[in-house]
N, C-alpha and C. Protein backbone atom coordinates (compact mmCIF):
# COMPACT_ATOMS: atom_id res chain seq x y z
N MET A 1 94.70 73.95 -96.23
CA MET A 1 94.99 72.41 -96.47
C MET A 1 96.80 72.86 -97.80
N ALA A 2 96.76 73.77 -98.56
CA ALA A 2 98.41 73.96 -99.27
C ALA A 2 98.94 74.04 -98.52
N ARG A 3 98.95 75.28 -97.10
CA ARG A 3 100.04 75.01 -96.12
C ARG A 3 100.64 73.70 -95.39
N LEU A 4 99.79 73.03 -95.56
CA LEU A 4 99.88 71.52 -95.41
C LEU A 4 100.12 70.48 -95.67
N ALA A 5 99.86 71.34 -97.30
CA ALA A 5 100.86 70.03 -98.01
C ALA A 5 101.96 70.37 -98.08
N LEU A 6 102.38 72.03 -98.44
CA LEU A 6 103.77 72.22 -98.33
C LEU A 6 104.99 71.84 -97.15
N VAL A 7 104.51 71.88 -96.32
CA VAL A 7 104.52 71.81 -95.11
C VAL A 7 105.57 70.67 -94.90
N SER A 8 104.00 69.30 -95.27
CA SER A 8 104.42 68.31 -95.08
C SER A 8 105.25 67.57 -96.45
N GLY A 9 105.97 68.79 -97.52
CA GLY A 9 106.31 68.05 -99.11
C GLY A 9 105.21 67.27 -99.21
N SER A 10 103.84 66.54 -99.21
CA SER A 10 102.77 66.02 -99.22
C SER A 10 101.93 66.87 -100.78
N THR A 11 101.05 66.60 -101.78
CA THR A 11 100.23 67.01 -102.46
C THR A 11 98.92 67.65 -101.44
N GLU A 12 98.19 68.35 -101.48
CA GLU A 12 97.06 68.65 -100.94
C GLU A 12 95.97 67.22 -100.94
N PRO A 13 96.28 66.53 -102.65
CA PRO A 13 94.84 64.77 -102.20
C PRO A 13 95.53 63.81 -100.94
N ASP A 14 96.51 64.15 -100.93
CA ASP A 14 97.59 63.46 -99.97
C ASP A 14 97.56 63.31 -98.97
N VAL A 15 97.12 65.01 -98.16
CA VAL A 15 97.18 65.66 -96.74
C VAL A 15 95.26 65.49 -96.96
N LEU A 16 94.69 65.45 -97.25
CA LEU A 16 93.41 64.29 -97.48
C LEU A 16 93.10 63.90 -97.38
N LEU A 17 93.08 62.20 -97.61
CA LEU A 17 93.71 61.05 -97.31
C LEU A 17 94.39 60.89 -96.58
N LYS A 18 95.49 61.50 -96.13
CA LYS A 18 95.79 60.95 -94.46
C LYS A 18 95.11 61.54 -93.20
N ALA A 19 94.94 62.66 -93.48
CA ALA A 19 93.82 63.39 -92.68
C ALA A 19 92.54 62.37 -92.60
N VAL A 20 91.63 62.12 -93.63
CA VAL A 20 90.57 61.09 -93.24
C VAL A 20 91.39 59.88 -92.44
N ALA A 21 91.89 59.39 -93.33
CA ALA A 21 92.77 58.21 -92.88
C ALA A 21 92.83 58.43 -91.05
N LEU A 22 93.65 59.17 -90.17
CA LEU A 22 93.14 59.21 -89.26
C LEU A 22 92.36 59.46 -88.47
N TYR A 23 90.81 60.30 -88.88
CA TYR A 23 89.90 60.53 -87.99
C TYR A 23 89.39 58.56 -88.20
N GLU A 24 89.71 58.26 -88.75
CA GLU A 24 89.55 56.55 -88.65
C GLU A 24 89.43 55.89 -87.35
N ILE A 25 90.80 56.21 -87.50
CA ILE A 25 91.45 56.03 -86.57
C ILE A 25 90.96 56.18 -85.25
N ALA A 26 90.76 57.50 -84.87
CA ALA A 26 89.67 58.23 -83.68
C ALA A 26 89.01 57.79 -83.82
N LEU A 27 88.48 57.57 -84.48
CA LEU A 27 86.79 57.02 -85.04
C LEU A 27 86.81 55.28 -83.53
N GLN A 28 87.69 54.62 -84.37
CA GLN A 28 87.41 52.73 -84.37
C GLN A 28 88.19 53.47 -82.83
N ALA A 29 89.20 54.09 -82.58
CA ALA A 29 89.80 54.14 -80.90
C ALA A 29 88.70 54.42 -80.18
N LYS A 30 87.55 55.46 -80.53
CA LYS A 30 86.74 55.76 -79.55
C LYS A 30 85.29 54.91 -79.36
N LEU A 31 85.57 54.62 -80.30
CA LEU A 31 83.98 52.98 -80.05
C LEU A 31 84.54 52.46 -79.21
N LYS A 32 86.60 52.07 -79.51
CA LYS A 32 86.32 51.06 -78.30
C LYS A 32 86.55 51.95 -76.99
N GLY A 33 86.03 52.62 -76.44
CA GLY A 33 86.73 53.53 -75.92
C GLY A 33 87.33 53.86 -75.11
N GLN A 34 88.69 53.62 -76.38
CA GLN A 34 90.10 54.21 -76.42
C GLN A 34 89.90 55.90 -76.31
N ASP A 35 91.05 56.41 -76.10
CA ASP A 35 91.55 57.65 -77.19
C ASP A 35 92.75 57.65 -77.57
N VAL A 36 92.55 58.91 -78.79
CA VAL A 36 94.38 58.93 -79.02
C VAL A 36 94.47 60.15 -77.99
N ALA A 37 96.27 60.59 -77.69
CA ALA A 37 97.12 61.99 -77.76
C ALA A 37 98.05 61.39 -78.40
N ILE A 38 98.69 62.60 -77.63
CA ILE A 38 100.16 62.79 -78.32
C ILE A 38 101.21 62.56 -77.23
N LEU A 39 102.37 61.56 -77.28
CA LEU A 39 103.11 61.03 -76.70
C LEU A 39 104.47 62.28 -76.94
N ASP A 40 105.48 62.38 -75.28
CA ASP A 40 106.71 63.27 -76.24
C ASP A 40 107.41 61.99 -76.00
N GLU A 41 109.08 62.13 -76.36
CA GLU A 41 109.82 60.77 -76.59
C GLU A 41 109.89 59.74 -75.03
N GLU A 42 109.43 60.85 -74.04
CA GLU A 42 109.15 59.62 -72.67
C GLU A 42 108.22 59.04 -72.74
N LYS A 43 107.28 58.95 -73.45
CA LYS A 43 105.77 58.49 -73.28
C LYS A 43 105.24 59.51 -72.40
N ARG A 44 105.43 60.66 -72.19
CA ARG A 44 104.87 61.31 -71.77
C ARG A 44 103.02 61.82 -72.02
N LEU A 45 102.72 62.55 -72.00
CA LEU A 45 100.89 62.96 -72.18
C LEU A 45 101.48 64.74 -72.11
N VAL A 46 101.03 64.51 -73.30
CA VAL A 46 101.67 65.65 -74.02
C VAL A 46 99.68 65.98 -74.51
N SER A 47 99.50 65.87 -75.35
CA SER A 47 98.11 66.54 -75.48
C SER A 47 96.84 64.91 -75.70
N GLU A 48 95.27 64.98 -75.49
CA GLU A 48 95.09 64.60 -76.38
C GLU A 48 93.32 64.39 -76.78
N ILE A 49 93.53 64.47 -77.90
CA ILE A 49 92.22 64.49 -79.39
C ILE A 49 91.07 64.13 -78.27
N ASP A 50 90.42 64.73 -78.39
CA ASP A 50 88.86 65.06 -77.83
C ASP A 50 88.13 65.76 -78.97
N GLY A 51 86.91 65.22 -78.83
CA GLY A 51 85.95 65.96 -80.14
C GLY A 51 85.88 64.93 -81.57
N ILE A 52 85.84 63.95 -81.02
CA ILE A 52 85.35 62.76 -82.80
C ILE A 52 84.17 61.56 -82.44
């Protein structure tokens, strides 16, 4: 977590709060039958997030 804080310019508690917020968004999407994905600049699928 220290590396993530350093690279992002955040504190470790902020990294943890952001991680929990992202997990909550992903879980809500899953419960609605939706997926979470990373898209490139042209909205093409780069990666789909599984395992939530």
